[in-house]
Amino acid sequence: MILYDMMKGGATYTTSEAGPSYCSMIHEDDISEQLQNLILAATVPATVVNLGGDEIVAVEGDHRVDRGADGAPDEGRDGCAGVVGMKPLDNARRLELGGPCKVPWKEGVRRSLAARHPDAIRA
């Protein structure tokens, strides 16, 4: 939603010349469902878990989904540095302790848009 909010506010998405930025998006429903198991696995010293989704997604793929929503710019541009510099997470420990995600990334983006920006959803 951060990228959508930036674009709706007038920012132009810039794709890095080095290629796409990748991320491991996770929907709030998956976080809520996995949280109890993650808390039960807590230890001292702390158990370190990367909290990200199971699917690795190019931020540019997320941008294309956002572009399907009203209010978002229809085009991005290439540049030396991308708007978002993200890397996919190693989710092995989260998967082991919390379980798999159930919300696919595209559905999660659409559900989040519908909840936060219902006027942005095209019929």
PDB file of N, CA and C in Angstrom:
ATOM      1  N   MET A   1       0.813  -1.190   0.000  1.00  0.00           N
ATOM      2  CA  MET A   1       0.000   0.000   0.000  1.00  0.00           C
ATOM      3  C   MET A   1       0.861   1.261   0.000  1.00  0.00           C
ATOM      4  N   ILE A   2       2.087   1.154   0.498  1.00  0.00           N
ATOM      5  CA  ILE A   2       2.978   2.316   0.503  1.00  0.00           C
ATOM      6  C   ILE A   2       3.230   2.787  -0.929  1.00  0.00           C
ATOM      7  N   LEU A   3       3.521   1.851  -1.832  1.00  0.00           N
ATOM      8  CA  LEU A   3       3.766   2.212  -3.227  1.00  0.00           C
ATOM      9  C   LEU A   3       2.521   2.841  -3.847  1.00  0.00           C
ATOM     10  N   TYR A   4       1.361   2.272  -3.595  1.00  0.00           N
ATOM     11  CA  TYR A   4       0.123   2.836  -4.139  1.00  0.00           C
ATOM     12  C   TYR A   4      -0.093   4.255  -3.619  1.00  0.00           C
ATOM     13  N   ASP A   5       0.084   4.427  -2.301  1.00  0.00           N
ATOM     14  CA  ASP A   5      -0.106   5.754  -1.716  1.00  0.00           C
ATOM     15  C   ASP A   5       0.862   6.772  -2.308  1.00  0.00           C
ATOM     16  N   MET A   6       2.108   6.353  -2.539  1.00  0.00           N
ATOM     17  CA  MET A   6       3.091   7.258  -3.157  1.00  0.00           C
ATOM     18  C   MET A   6       2.644   7.657  -4.557  1.00  0.00           C
ATOM     19  N   MET A   7       2.204   6.660  -5.341  1.00  0.00           N
ATOM     20  CA  MET A   7       1.788   6.931  -6.712  1.00  0.00           C
ATOM     21  C   MET A   7       0.537   7.799  -6.746  1.00  0.00           C
ATOM     22  N   LYS A   8      -0.412   7.514  -5.864  1.00  0.00           N
ATOM     23  CA  LYS A   8      -1.634   8.314  -5.814  1.00  0.00           C
ATOM     24  C   LYS A   8      -1.315   9.752  -5.430  1.00  0.00           C
ATOM     25  N   GLY A   9      -0.265   9.934  -4.643  1.00  0.00           N
ATOM     26  CA  GLY A   9       0.165  11.263  -4.251  1.00  0.00           C
ATOM     27  C   GLY A   9       0.976  11.984  -5.308  1.00  0.00           C
ATOM     28  N   GLY A  10       1.183  11.343  -6.461  1.00  0.00           N
ATOM     29  CA  GLY A  10       1.860  12.003  -7.572  1.00  0.00           C
ATOM     30  C   GLY A  10       3.269  11.518  -7.861  1.00  0.00           C
ATOM     31  N   ALA A  11       3.816  10.631  -7.031  1.00  0.00           N
ATOM     32  CA  ALA A  11       5.162  10.115  -7.297  1.00  0.00           C
ATOM     33  C   ALA A  11       5.124   9.202  -8.515  1.00  0.00           C
ATOM     34  N   THR A  12       6.143   9.291  -9.345  1.00  0.00           N
ATOM     35  CA  THR A  12       6.277   8.403 -10.503  1.00  0.00           C
ATOM     36  C   THR A  12       7.164   7.241 -10.101  1.00  0.00           C
ATOM     37  N   TYR A  13       6.714   6.043 -10.376  1.00  0.00           N
ATOM     38  CA  TYR A  13       7.517   4.868 -10.048  1.00  0.00           C
ATOM     39  C   TYR A  13       8.724   4.807 -10.969  1.00  0.00           C
ATOM     40  N   THR A  14       9.898   4.620 -10.399  1.00  0.00           N
ATOM     41  CA  THR A  14      11.125   4.512 -11.181  1.00  0.00           C
ATOM     42  C   THR A  14      11.674   3.110 -11.044  1.00  0.00           C
ATOM     43  N   THR A  15      11.873   2.449 -12.171  1.00  0.00           N
ATOM     44  CA  THR A  15      12.464   1.122 -12.201  1.00  0.00           C
ATOM     45  C   THR A  15      13.971   1.258 -12.328  1.00  0.00           C
ATOM     46  N   SER A  16      14.703   0.530 -11.528  1.00  0.00           N
ATOM     47  CA  SER A  16      16.155   0.582 -11.575  1.00  0.00           C
ATOM     48  C   SER A  16      16.670  -0.002 -12.880  1.00  0.00           C
ATOM     49  N   GLU A  17      17.705   0.617 -13.445  1.00  0.00           N
ATOM     50  CA  GLU A  17      18.337   0.075 -14.651  1.00  0.00           C
ATOM     51  C   GLU A  17      18.945  -1.294 -14.387  1.00  0.00           C
ATOM     52  N   ALA A  18      19.262  -1.579 -13.121  1.00  0.00           N
ATOM     53  CA  ALA A  18      19.853  -2.866 -12.755  1.00  0.00           C
ATOM     54  C   ALA A  18      18.827  -3.995 -12.767  1.00  0.00           C
ATOM     55  N   GLY A  19      17.566  -3.677 -12.915  1.00  0.00           N
ATOM     56  CA  GLY A  19      16.522  -4.698 -12.943  1.00  0.00           C
ATOM     57  C   GLY A  19      15.518  -4.497 -11.825  1.00  0.00           C
ATOM     58  N   PRO A  20      14.566  -5.401 -11.755  1.00  0.00           N
ATOM     59  CA  PRO A  20      13.484  -5.252 -10.789  1.00  0.00           C
ATOM     60  C   PRO A  20      13.960  -5.410  -9.347  1.00  0.00           C
ATOM     61  N   SER A  21      13.182  -4.831  -8.439  1.00  0.00           N
ATOM     62  CA  SER A  21      13.364  -5.033  -7.009  1.00  0.00           C
ATOM     63  C   SER A  21      12.383  -6.112  -6.585  1.00  0.00           C
ATOM     64  N   TYR A  22      12.819  -7.019  -5.752  1.00  0.00           N
ATOM     65  CA  TYR A  22      11.965  -8.117  -5.320  1.00  0.00           C
ATOM     66  C   TYR A  22      11.603  -7.977  -3.852  1.00  0.00           C
ATOM     67  N   CYS A  23      10.442  -8.482  -3.509  1.00  0.00           N
ATOM     68  CA  CYS A  23      10.013  -8.452  -2.121  1.00  0.00           C
ATOM     69  C   CYS A  23       9.215  -9.716  -1.804  1.00  0.00           C
ATOM     70  N   SER A  24       8.923  -9.887  -0.542  1.00  0.00           N
ATOM     71  CA  SER A  24       8.158 -11.038  -0.056  1.00  0.00           C
ATOM     72  C   SER A  24       6.931 -10.508   0.680  1.00  0.00           C
ATOM     73  N   MET A  25       5.940 -10.060  -0.090  1.00  0.00           N
ATOM     74  CA  MET A  25       4.747  -9.459   0.510  1.00  0.00           C
ATOM     75  C   MET A  25       3.965 -10.486   1.318  1.00  0.00           C
ATOM     76  N   ILE A  26       3.444 -10.024   2.446  1.00  0.00           N
ATOM     77  CA  ILE A  26       2.602 -10.885   3.283  1.00  0.00           C
ATOM     78  C   ILE A  26       1.352 -10.088   3.661  1.00  0.00           C
ATOM     79  N   HIS A  27       0.219 -10.729   3.578  1.00  0.00           N
ATOM     80  CA  HIS A  27      -1.047 -10.076   3.897  1.00  0.00           C
ATOM     81  C   HIS A  27      -1.284 -10.115   5.398  1.00  0.00           C
ATOM     82  N   GLU A  28      -1.973  -9.111   5.897  1.00  0.00           N
ATOM     83  CA  GLU A  28      -2.242  -9.019   7.330  1.00  0.00           C
ATOM     84  C   GLU A  28      -3.004 -10.234   7.858  1.00  0.00           C
ATOM     85  N   ASP A  29      -3.836 -10.873   7.040  1.00  0.00           N
ATOM     86  CA  ASP A  29      -4.542 -12.079   7.494  1.00  0.00           C
ATOM     87  C   ASP A  29      -3.568 -13.217   7.767  1.00  0.00           C
ATOM     88  N   ASP A  30      -2.531 -13.344   6.942  1.00  0.00           N
ATOM     89  CA  ASP A  30      -1.517 -14.375   7.176  1.00  0.00           C
ATOM     90  C   ASP A  30      -0.711 -14.068   8.432  1.00  0.00           C
ATOM     91  N   ILE A  31      -0.385 -12.814   8.638  1.00  0.00           N
ATOM     92  CA  ILE A  31       0.340 -12.428   9.859  1.00  0.00           C
ATOM     93  C   ILE A  31      -0.502 -12.793  11.080  1.00  0.00           C
ATOM     94  N   SER A  32      -1.776 -12.431  11.059  1.00  0.00           N
ATOM     95  CA  SER A  32      -2.663 -12.721  12.195  1.00  0.00           C
ATOM     96  C   SER A  32      -2.756 -14.214  12.468  1.00  0.00           C
ATOM     97  N   GLU A  33      -2.859 -15.002  11.407  1.00  0.00           N
ATOM     98  CA  GLU A  33      -2.992 -16.449  11.572  1.00  0.00           C
ATOM     99  C   GLU A  33      -1.708 -17.084  12.093  1.00  0.00           C
ATOM    100  N   GLN A  34      -0.561 -16.582  11.679  1.00  0.00           N
ATOM    101  CA  GLN A  34       0.720 -17.188  12.059  1.00  0.00           C
ATOM    102  C   GLN A  34       1.250 -16.676  13.390  1.00  0.00           C
ATOM    103  N   LEU A  35       0.722 -15.565  13.862  1.00  0.00           N
ATOM    104  CA  LEU A  35       1.269 -14.900  15.039  1.00  0.00           C
ATOM    105  C   LEU A  35       1.299 -15.786  16.286  1.00  0.00           C
ATOM    106  N   GLN A  36       0.241 -16.517  16.554  1.00  0.00           N
ATOM    107  CA  GLN A  36       0.206 -17.345  17.756  1.00  0.00           C
ATOM    108  C   GLN A  36       1.347 -18.366  17.749  1.00  0.00           C
ATOM    109  N   ASN A  37       1.537 -19.054  16.626  1.00  0.00           N
ATOM    110  CA  ASN A  37       2.626 -20.034  16.550  1.00  0.00           C
ATOM    111  C   ASN A  37       3.990 -19.374  16.703  1.00  0.00           C
ATOM    112  N   LEU A  38       4.140 -18.178  16.142  1.00  0.00           N
ATOM    113  CA  LEU A  38       5.417 -17.468  16.271  1.00  0.00           C
ATOM    114  C   LEU A  38       5.663 -17.048  17.722  1.00  0.00           C
ATOM    115  N   ILE A  39       4.633 -16.601  18.408  1.00  0.00           N
ATOM    116  CA  ILE A  39       4.770 -16.231  19.820  1.00  0.00           C
ATOM    117  C   ILE A  39       5.118 -17.456  20.662  1.00  0.00           C
ATOM    118  N   LEU A  40       4.471 -18.579  20.380  1.00  0.00           N
ATOM    119  CA  LEU A  40       4.755 -19.805  21.133  1.00  0.00           C
ATOM    120  C   LEU A  40       6.180 -20.298  20.911  1.00  0.00           C
ATOM    121  N   ALA A  41       6.782 -19.934  19.788  1.00  0.00           N
ATOM    122  CA  ALA A  41       8.147 -20.355  19.481  1.00  0.00           C
ATOM    123  C   ALA A  41       9.197 -19.379  20.009  1.00  0.00           C
ATOM    124  N   ALA A  42       8.744 -18.294  20.637  1.00  0.00           N
ATOM    125  CA  ALA A  42       9.674 -17.282  21.143  1.00  0.00           C
ATOM    126  C   ALA A  42      10.591 -17.879  22.208  1.00  0.00           C
ATOM    127  N   THR A  43      11.848 -17.446  22.183  1.00  0.00           N
ATOM    128  CA  THR A  43      12.838 -17.922  23.128  1.00  0.00           C
ATOM    129  C   THR A  43      13.691 -16.753  23.608  1.00  0.00           C
ATOM    130  N   VAL A  44      14.471 -17.013  24.638  1.00  0.00           N
ATOM    131  CA  VAL A  44      15.493 -16.072  25.098  1.00  0.00           C
ATOM    132  C   VAL A  44      16.806 -16.827  25.018  1.00  0.00           C
ATOM    133  N   PRO A  45      17.770 -16.349  24.237  1.00  0.00           N
ATOM    134  CA  PRO A  45      17.721 -15.163  23.399  1.00  0.00           C
ATOM    135  C   PRO A  45      16.672 -15.309  22.288  1.00  0.00           C
ATOM    136  N   ALA A  46      16.347 -14.198  21.666  1.00  0.00           N
ATOM    137  CA  ALA A  46      15.243 -14.115  20.714  1.00  0.00           C
ATOM    138  C   ALA A  46      15.414 -15.050  19.516  1.00  0.00           C
ATOM    139  N   THR A  47      14.291 -15.622  19.111  1.00  0.00           N
ATOM    140  CA  THR A  47      14.225 -16.360  17.857  1.00  0.00           C
ATOM    141  C   THR A  47      14.010 -15.321  16.759  1.00  0.00           C
ATOM    142  N   VAL A  48      14.899 -15.288  15.770  1.00  0.00           N
ATOM    143  CA  VAL A  48      14.803 -14.295  14.698  1.00  0.00           C
ATOM    144  C   VAL A  48      14.057 -14.914  13.523  1.00  0.00           C
ATOM    145  N   VAL A  49      13.007 -14.221  13.088  1.00  0.00           N
ATOM    146  CA  VAL A  49      12.160 -14.695  11.993  1.00  0.00           C
ATOM    147  C   VAL A  49      11.907 -13.542  11.038  1.00  0.00           C
ATOM    148  N   ASN A  50      12.143 -13.758   9.755  1.00  0.00           N
ATOM    149  CA  ASN A  50      11.788 -12.763   8.748  1.00  0.00           C
ATOM    150  C   ASN A  50      10.291 -12.890   8.479  1.00  0.00           C
ATOM    151  N   LEU A  51       9.576 -11.800   8.639  1.00  0.00           N
ATOM    152  CA  LEU A  51       8.131 -11.817   8.454  1.00  0.00           C
ATOM    153  C   LEU A  51       7.805 -11.335   7.048  1.00  0.00           C
ATOM    154  N   GLY A  52       7.686 -12.286   6.144  1.00  0.00           N
ATOM    155  CA  GLY A  52       7.355 -11.996   4.762  1.00  0.00           C
ATOM    156  C   GLY A  52       6.610 -13.167   4.180  1.00  0.00           C
ATOM    157  N   GLY A  53       5.980 -12.963   3.032  1.00  0.00           N
ATOM    158  CA  GLY A  53       5.174 -13.988   2.391  1.00  0.00           C
ATOM    159  C   GLY A  53       5.993 -15.074   1.723  1.00  0.00           C
ATOM    160  N   ASP A  54       5.291 -16.105   1.251  1.00  0.00           N
ATOM    161  CA  ASP A  54       5.933 -17.245   0.621  1.00  0.00           C
ATOM    162  C   ASP A  54       6.326 -16.979  -0.832  1.00  0.00           C
ATOM    163  N   GLU A  55       5.661 -16.035  -1.476  1.00  0.00           N
ATOM    164  CA  GLU A  55       5.924 -15.752  -2.891  1.00  0.00           C
ATOM    165  C   GLU A  55       6.893 -14.585  -3.028  1.00  0.00           C
ATOM    166  N   ILE A  56       7.877 -14.750  -3.897  1.00  0.00           N
ATOM    167  CA  ILE A  56       8.794 -13.653  -4.210  1.00  0.00           C
ATOM    168  C   ILE A  56       8.213 -12.923  -5.415  1.00  0.00           C
ATOM    169  N   VAL A  57       8.027 -11.611  -5.249  1.00  0.00           N
ATOM    170  CA  VAL A  57       7.332 -10.801  -6.239  1.00  0.00           C
ATOM    171  C   VAL A  57       8.196  -9.616  -6.627  1.00  0.00           C
ATOM    172  N   ALA A  58       8.255  -9.327  -7.926  1.00  0.00           N
ATOM    173  CA  ALA A  58       8.914  -8.102  -8.365  1.00  0.00           C
ATOM    174  C   ALA A  58       8.024  -6.931  -7.972  1.00  0.00           C
ATOM    175  N   VAL A  59       8.605  -5.917  -7.340  1.00  0.00           N
ATOM    176  CA  VAL A  59       7.833  -4.730  -6.971  1.00  0.00           C
ATOM    177  C   VAL A  59       7.153  -4.176  -8.215  1.00  0.00           C
ATOM    178  N   GLU A  60       7.802  -4.316  -9.352  1.00  0.00           N
ATOM    179  CA  GLU A  60       7.210  -3.847 -10.607  1.00  0.00           C
ATOM    180  C   GLU A  60       5.947  -4.619 -10.940  1.00  0.00           C
ATOM    181  N   GLY A  61       5.853  -5.894 -10.533  1.00  0.00           N
ATOM    182  CA  GLY A  61       4.619  -6.657 -10.709  1.00  0.00           C
ATOM    183  C   GLY A  61       3.517  -6.101  -9.841  1.00  0.00           C
ATOM    184  N   ASP A  62       3.864  -5.728  -8.607  1.00  0.00           N
ATOM    185  CA  ASP A  62       2.913  -5.093  -7.709  1.00  0.00           C
ATOM    186  C   ASP A  62       2.455  -3.764  -8.298  1.00  0.00           C
ATOM    187  N   HIS A  63       3.377  -3.027  -8.872  1.00  0.00           N
ATOM    188  CA  HIS A  63       3.072  -1.741  -9.503  1.00  0.00           C
ATOM    189  C   HIS A  63       2.058  -1.928 -10.626  1.00  0.00           C
ATOM    190  N   ARG A  64       2.202  -2.992 -11.432  1.00  0.00           N
ATOM    191  CA  ARG A  64       1.246  -3.232 -12.520  1.00  0.00           C
ATOM    192  C   ARG A  64      -0.144  -3.524 -11.966  1.00  0.00           C
ATOM    193  N   VAL A  65      -0.230  -4.231 -10.844  1.00  0.00           N
ATOM    194  CA  VAL A  65      -1.539  -4.462 -10.216  1.00  0.00           C
ATOM    195  C   VAL A  65      -2.105  -3.140  -9.742  1.00  0.00           C
ATOM    196  N   ASP A  66      -1.271  -2.307  -9.090  1.00  0.00           N
ATOM    197  CA  ASP A  66      -1.727  -1.005  -8.617  1.00  0.00           C
ATOM    198  C   ASP A  66      -2.196  -0.127  -9.770  1.00  0.00           C
ATOM    199  N   ARG A  67      -1.542  -0.233 -10.933  1.00  0.00           N
ATOM    200  CA  ARG A  67      -1.925   0.595 -12.067  1.00  0.00           C
ATOM    201  C   ARG A  67      -3.335   0.291 -12.534  1.00  0.00           C
ATOM    202  N   GLY A  68      -3.838  -0.894 -12.193  1.00  0.00           N
ATOM    203  CA  GLY A  68      -5.207  -1.235 -12.558  1.00  0.00           C
ATOM    204  C   GLY A  68      -6.231  -0.534 -11.687  1.00  0.00           C
ATOM    205  N   ALA A  69      -5.761   0.199 -10.715  1.00  0.00           N
ATOM    206  CA  ALA A  69      -6.667   0.904  -9.800  1.00  0.00           C
ATOM    207  C   ALA A  69      -6.777   2.364 -10.202  1.00  0.00           C
ATOM    208  N   ASP A  70      -7.945   2.921 -10.033  1.00  0.00           N
ATOM    209  CA  ASP A  70      -8.135   4.340 -10.332  1.00  0.00           C
ATOM    210  C   ASP A  70      -7.267   5.185  -9.416  1.00  0.00           C
ATOM    211  N   GLY A  71      -6.765   6.266  -9.935  1.00  0.00           N
ATOM    212  CA  GLY A  71      -5.996   7.194  -9.129  1.00  0.00           C
ATOM    213  C   GLY A  71      -4.510   6.954  -9.159  1.00  0.00           C
ATOM    214  N   ALA A  72      -4.073   5.813  -9.680  1.00  0.00           N
ATOM    215  CA  ALA A  72      -2.645   5.527  -9.772  1.00  0.00           C
ATOM    216  C   ALA A  72      -2.162   5.907 -11.168  1.00  0.00           C
ATOM    217  N   PRO A  73      -0.942   6.412 -11.300  1.00  0.00           N
ATOM    218  CA  PRO A  73      -0.435   6.771 -12.622  1.00  0.00           C
ATOM    219  C   PRO A  73      -0.397   5.557 -13.539  1.00  0.00           C
ATOM    220  N   ASP A  74      -0.528   5.797 -14.831  1.00  0.00           N
ATOM    221  CA  ASP A  74      -0.553   4.705 -15.794  1.00  0.00           C
ATOM    222  C   ASP A  74       0.818   4.290 -16.292  1.00  0.00           C
ATOM    223  N   GLU A  75       1.857   5.017 -15.931  1.00  0.00           N
ATOM    224  CA  GLU A  75       3.162   4.629 -16.432  1.00  0.00           C
ATOM    225  C   GLU A  75       4.248   4.977 -15.444  1.00  0.00           C
ATOM    226  N   GLY A  76       5.320   4.200 -15.514  1.00  0.00           N
ATOM    227  CA  GLY A  76       6.508   4.464 -14.717  1.00  0.00           C
ATOM    228  C   GLY A  76       7.612   4.878 -15.663  1.00  0.00           C
ATOM    229  N   ARG A  77       8.827   4.966 -15.150  1.00  0.00           N
ATOM    230  CA  ARG A  77       9.953   5.297 -16.001  1.00  0.00           C
ATOM    231  C   ARG A  77      11.179   4.591 -15.461  1.00  0.00           C
ATOM    232  N   ASP A  78      12.202   4.473 -16.296  1.00  0.00           N
ATOM    233  CA  ASP A  78      13.460   3.863 -15.894  1.00  0.00           C
ATOM    234  C   ASP A  78      14.394   4.937 -15.366  1.00  0.00           C
ATOM    235  N   GLY A  79      15.248   4.561 -14.456  1.00  0.00           N
ATOM    236  CA  GLY A  79      16.208   5.505 -13.909  1.00  0.00           C
ATOM    237  C   GLY A  79      17.364   4.779 -13.259  1.00  0.00           C
ATOM    238  N   CYS A  80      18.341   5.533 -12.800  1.00  0.00           N
ATOM    239  CA  CYS A  80      19.531   4.944 -12.191  1.00  0.00           C
ATOM    240  C   CYS A  80      19.210   4.196 -10.907  1.00  0.00           C
ATOM    241  N   ALA A  81      18.294   4.710 -10.136  1.00  0.00           N
ATOM    242  CA  ALA A  81      17.937   4.077  -8.870  1.00  0.00           C
ATOM    243  C   ALA A  81      16.435   3.918  -8.800  1.00  0.00           C
ATOM    244  N   GLY A  82      15.989   2.751  -8.417  1.00  0.00           N
ATOM    245  CA  GLY A  82      14.560   2.508  -8.300  1.00  0.00           C
ATOM    246  C   GLY A  82      13.982   3.220  -7.094  1.00  0.00           C
ATOM    247  N   VAL A  83      12.674   3.394  -7.120  1.00  0.00           N
ATOM    248  CA  VAL A  83      11.972   4.029  -6.013  1.00  0.00           C
ATOM    249  C   VAL A  83      12.100   3.171  -4.760  1.00  0.00           C
ATOM    250  N   VAL A  84      11.972   1.867  -4.928  1.00  0.00           N
ATOM    251  CA  VAL A  84      11.999   0.949  -3.800  1.00  0.00           C
ATOM    252  C   VAL A  84      13.154  -0.020  -3.993  1.00  0.00           C
ATOM    253  N   GLY A  85      14.076  -0.067  -3.059  1.00  0.00           N
ATOM    254  CA  GLY A  85      15.177  -1.020  -3.125  1.00  0.00           C
ATOM    255  C   GLY A  85      14.930  -2.144  -2.140  1.00  0.00           C
ATOM    256  N   MET A  86      14.281  -3.201  -2.587  1.00  0.00           N
ATOM    257  CA  MET A  86      13.911  -4.292  -1.690  1.00  0.00           C
ATOM    258  C   MET A  86      14.557  -5.586  -2.154  1.00  0.00           C
ATOM    259  N   LYS A  87      14.675  -6.512  -1.242  1.00  0.00           N
ATOM    260  CA  LYS A  87      15.202  -7.834  -1.552  1.00  0.00           C
ATOM    261  C   LYS A  87      14.271  -8.866  -0.928  1.00  0.00           C
ATOM    262  N   PRO A  88      14.159 -10.037  -1.569  1.00  0.00           N
ATOM    263  CA  PRO A  88      13.300 -11.072  -0.978  1.00  0.00           C
ATOM    264  C   PRO A  88      13.895 -11.558   0.344  1.00  0.00           C
ATOM    265  N   LEU A  89      13.023 -11.990   1.227  1.00  0.00           N
ATOM    266  CA  LEU A  89      13.441 -12.484   2.532  1.00  0.00           C
ATOM    267  C   LEU A  89      13.651 -13.989   2.499  1.00  0.00           C
ATOM    268  N   ASP A  90      14.495 -14.478   3.383  1.00  0.00           N
ATOM    269  CA  ASP A  90      14.612 -15.913   3.617  1.00  0.00           C
ATOM    270  C   ASP A  90      13.538 -16.257   4.645  1.00  0.00           C
ATOM    271  N   ASN A  91      12.480 -16.888   4.191  1.00  0.00           N
ATOM    272  CA  ASN A  91      11.326 -17.156   5.048  1.00  0.00           C
ATOM    273  C   ASN A  91      11.309 -18.561   5.637  1.00  0.00           C
ATOM    274  N   ALA A  92      12.420 -19.289   5.519  1.00  0.00           N
ATOM    275  CA  ALA A  92      12.443 -20.681   5.968  1.00  0.00           C
ATOM    276  C   ALA A  92      12.035 -20.823   7.438  1.00  0.00           C
ATOM    277  N   ARG A  93      12.557 -19.982   8.292  1.00  0.00           N
ATOM    278  CA  ARG A  93      12.255 -20.072   9.724  1.00  0.00           C
ATOM    279  C   ARG A  93      10.795 -19.696  10.003  1.00  0.00           C
ATOM    280  N   ARG A  94      10.277 -18.656   9.343  1.00  0.00           N
ATOM    281  CA  ARG A  94       8.870 -18.276   9.514  1.00  0.00           C
ATOM    282  C   ARG A  94       7.951 -19.382   9.024  1.00  0.00           C
ATOM    283  N   LEU A  95       8.296 -20.001   7.918  1.00  0.00           N
ATOM    284  CA  LEU A  95       7.501 -21.093   7.380  1.00  0.00           C
ATOM    285  C   LEU A  95       7.497 -22.282   8.340  1.00  0.00           C
ATOM    286  N   GLU A  96       8.659 -22.591   8.896  1.00  0.00           N
ATOM    287  CA  GLU A  96       8.788 -23.696   9.848  1.00  0.00           C
ATOM    288  C   GLU A  96       7.969 -23.446  11.123  1.00  0.00           C
ATOM    289  N   LEU A  97       8.032 -22.253  11.653  1.00  0.00           N
ATOM    290  CA  LEU A  97       7.390 -21.952  12.929  1.00  0.00           C
ATOM    291  C   LEU A  97       5.950 -21.465  12.794  1.00  0.00           C
ATOM    292  N   GLY A  98       5.658 -20.700  11.769  1.00  0.00           N
ATOM    293  CA  GLY A  98       4.339 -20.086  11.636  1.00  0.00           C
ATOM    294  C   GLY A  98       3.420 -20.773  10.654  1.00  0.00           C
ATOM    295  N   GLY A  99       4.007 -21.501   9.719  1.00  0.00           N
ATOM    296  CA  GLY A  99       3.198 -22.163   8.704  1.00  0.00           C
ATOM    297  C   GLY A  99       3.151 -21.374   7.410  1.00  0.00           C
ATOM    298  N   PRO A 100       2.529 -21.956   6.386  1.00  0.00           N
ATOM    299  CA  PRO A 100       2.483 -21.305   5.075  1.00  0.00           C
ATOM    300  C   PRO A 100       1.458 -20.175   5.018  1.00  0.00           C
ATOM    301  N   CYS A 101       1.674 -19.295   4.065  1.00  0.00           N
ATOM    302  CA  CYS A 101       0.705 -18.224   3.801  1.00  0.00           C
ATOM    303  C   CYS A 101      -0.471 -18.787   3.014  1.00  0.00           C
ATOM    304  N   LYS A 102      -1.630 -18.208   3.220  1.00  0.00           N
ATOM    305  CA  LYS A 102      -2.834 -18.658   2.512  1.00  0.00           C
ATOM    306  C   LYS A 102      -3.359 -17.624   1.516  1.00  0.00           C
ATOM    307  N   VAL A 103      -2.908 -16.375   1.637  1.00  0.00           N
ATOM    308  CA  VAL A 103      -3.399 -15.313   0.759  1.00  0.00           C
ATOM    309  C   VAL A 103      -2.371 -15.066  -0.346  1.00  0.00           C
ATOM    310  N   PRO A 104      -2.686 -15.427  -1.609  1.00  0.00           N
ATOM    311  CA  PRO A 104      -1.763 -15.139  -2.713  1.00  0.00           C
ATOM    312  C   PRO A 104      -1.545 -13.633  -2.848  1.00  0.00           C
ATOM    313  N   TRP A 105      -0.375 -13.246  -3.323  1.00  0.00           N
ATOM    314  CA  TRP A 105      -0.008 -11.826  -3.302  1.00  0.00           C
ATOM    315  C   TRP A 105      -0.968 -10.943  -4.086  1.00  0.00           C
ATOM    316  N   LYS A 106      -1.410 -11.374  -5.271  1.00  0.00           N
ATOM    317  CA  LYS A 106      -2.317 -10.520  -6.060  1.00  0.00           C
ATOM    318  C   LYS A 106      -3.647 -10.325  -5.338  1.00  0.00           C
ATOM    319  N   GLU A 107      -4.157 -11.392  -4.758  1.00  0.00           N
ATOM    320  CA  GLU A 107      -5.401 -11.285  -3.992  1.00  0.00           C
ATOM    321  C   GLU A 107      -5.190 -10.368  -2.790  1.00  0.00           C
ATOM    322  N   GLY A 108      -4.049 -10.488  -2.136  1.00  0.00           N
ATOM    323  CA  GLY A 108      -3.746  -9.640  -0.984  1.00  0.00           C
ATOM    324  C   GLY A 108      -3.698  -8.166  -1.344  1.00  0.00           C
ATOM    325  N   VAL A 109      -3.088  -7.852  -2.490  1.00  0.00           N
ATOM    326  CA  VAL A 109      -3.025  -6.453  -2.936  1.00  0.00           C
ATOM    327  C   VAL A 109      -4.433  -5.949  -3.216  1.00  0.00           C
ATOM    328  N   ARG A 110      -5.228  -6.737  -3.913  1.00  0.00           N
ATOM    329  CA  ARG A 110      -6.599  -6.306  -4.226  1.00  0.00           C
ATOM    330  C   ARG A 110      -7.440  -6.134  -2.957  1.00  0.00           C
ATOM    331  N   ARG A 111      -7.303  -7.073  -2.012  1.00  0.00           N
ATOM    332  CA  ARG A 111      -8.062  -6.970  -0.762  1.00  0.00           C
ATOM    333  C   ARG A 111      -7.632  -5.745   0.047  1.00  0.00           C
ATOM    334  N   SER A 112      -6.341  -5.482   0.061  1.00  0.00           N
ATOM    335  CA  SER A 112      -5.833  -4.320   0.794  1.00  0.00           C
ATOM    336  C   SER A 112      -6.311  -3.022   0.153  1.00  0.00           C
ATOM    337  N   LEU A 113      -6.296  -2.972  -1.186  1.00  0.00           N
ATOM    338  CA  LEU A 113      -6.816  -1.794  -1.884  1.00  0.00           C
ATOM    339  C   LEU A 113      -8.301  -1.601  -1.575  1.00  0.00           C
ATOM    340  N   ALA A 114      -9.061  -2.691  -1.633  1.00  0.00           N
ATOM    341  CA  ALA A 114     -10.503  -2.606  -1.369  1.00  0.00           C
ATOM    342  C   ALA A 114     -10.775  -2.106   0.053  1.00  0.00           C
ATOM    343  N   ALA A 115      -9.952  -2.522   1.017  1.00  0.00           N
ATOM    344  CA  ALA A 115     -10.163  -2.120   2.412  1.00  0.00           C
ATOM    345  C   ALA A 115      -9.733  -0.684   2.672  1.00  0.00           C
ATOM    346  N   ARG A 116      -8.634  -0.256   2.041  1.00  0.00           N
ATOM    347  CA  ARG A 116      -8.066   1.058   2.350  1.00  0.00           C
ATOM    348  C   ARG A 116      -8.451   2.152   1.351  1.00  0.00           C
ATOM    349  N   HIS A 117      -8.704   1.738   0.128  1.00  0.00           N
ATOM    350  CA  HIS A 117      -9.039   2.689  -0.944  1.00  0.00           C
ATOM    351  C   HIS A 117     -10.172   2.093  -1.802  1.00  0.00           C
ATOM    352  N   PRO A 118     -11.374   1.917  -1.241  1.00  0.00           N
ATOM    353  CA  PRO A 118     -12.445   1.268  -1.992  1.00  0.00           C
ATOM    354  C   PRO A 118     -12.794   1.988  -3.288  1.00  0.00           C
ATOM    355  N   ASP A 119     -12.552   3.288  -3.353  1.00  0.00           N
ATOM    356  CA  ASP A 119     -12.829   4.060  -4.560  1.00  0.00           C
ATOM    357  C   ASP A 119     -11.845   3.723  -5.678  1.00  0.00           C
ATOM    358  N   ALA A 120     -10.765   3.020  -5.353  1.00  0.00           N
ATOM    359  CA  ALA A 120      -9.738   2.711  -6.339  1.00  0.00           C
ATOM    360  C   ALA A 120     -10.025   1.449  -7.140  1.00  0.00           C
ATOM    361  N   ILE A 121     -10.968   0.657  -6.707  1.00  0.00           N
ATOM    362  CA  ILE A 121     -11.249  -0.637  -7.350  1.00  0.00           C
ATOM    363  C   ILE A 121     -12.164  -0.414  -8.543  1.00  0.00           C
ATOM    364  N   ARG A 122     -11.680  -0.881  -9.686  1.00  0.00           N
ATOM    365  CA  ARG A 122     -12.498  -0.808 -10.904  1.00  0.00           C
ATOM    366  C   ARG A 122     -13.373  -2.045 -10.981  1.00  0.00           C
ATOM    367  N   ALA A 123     -14.584  -1.887 -11.440  1.00  0.00           N
ATOM    368  CA  ALA A 123     -15.528  -3.012 -11.540  1.00  0.00           C
ATOM    369  C   ALA A 123     -15.108  -3.982 -12.616  1.00  0.00           C
TER     370      ALA A 123
END
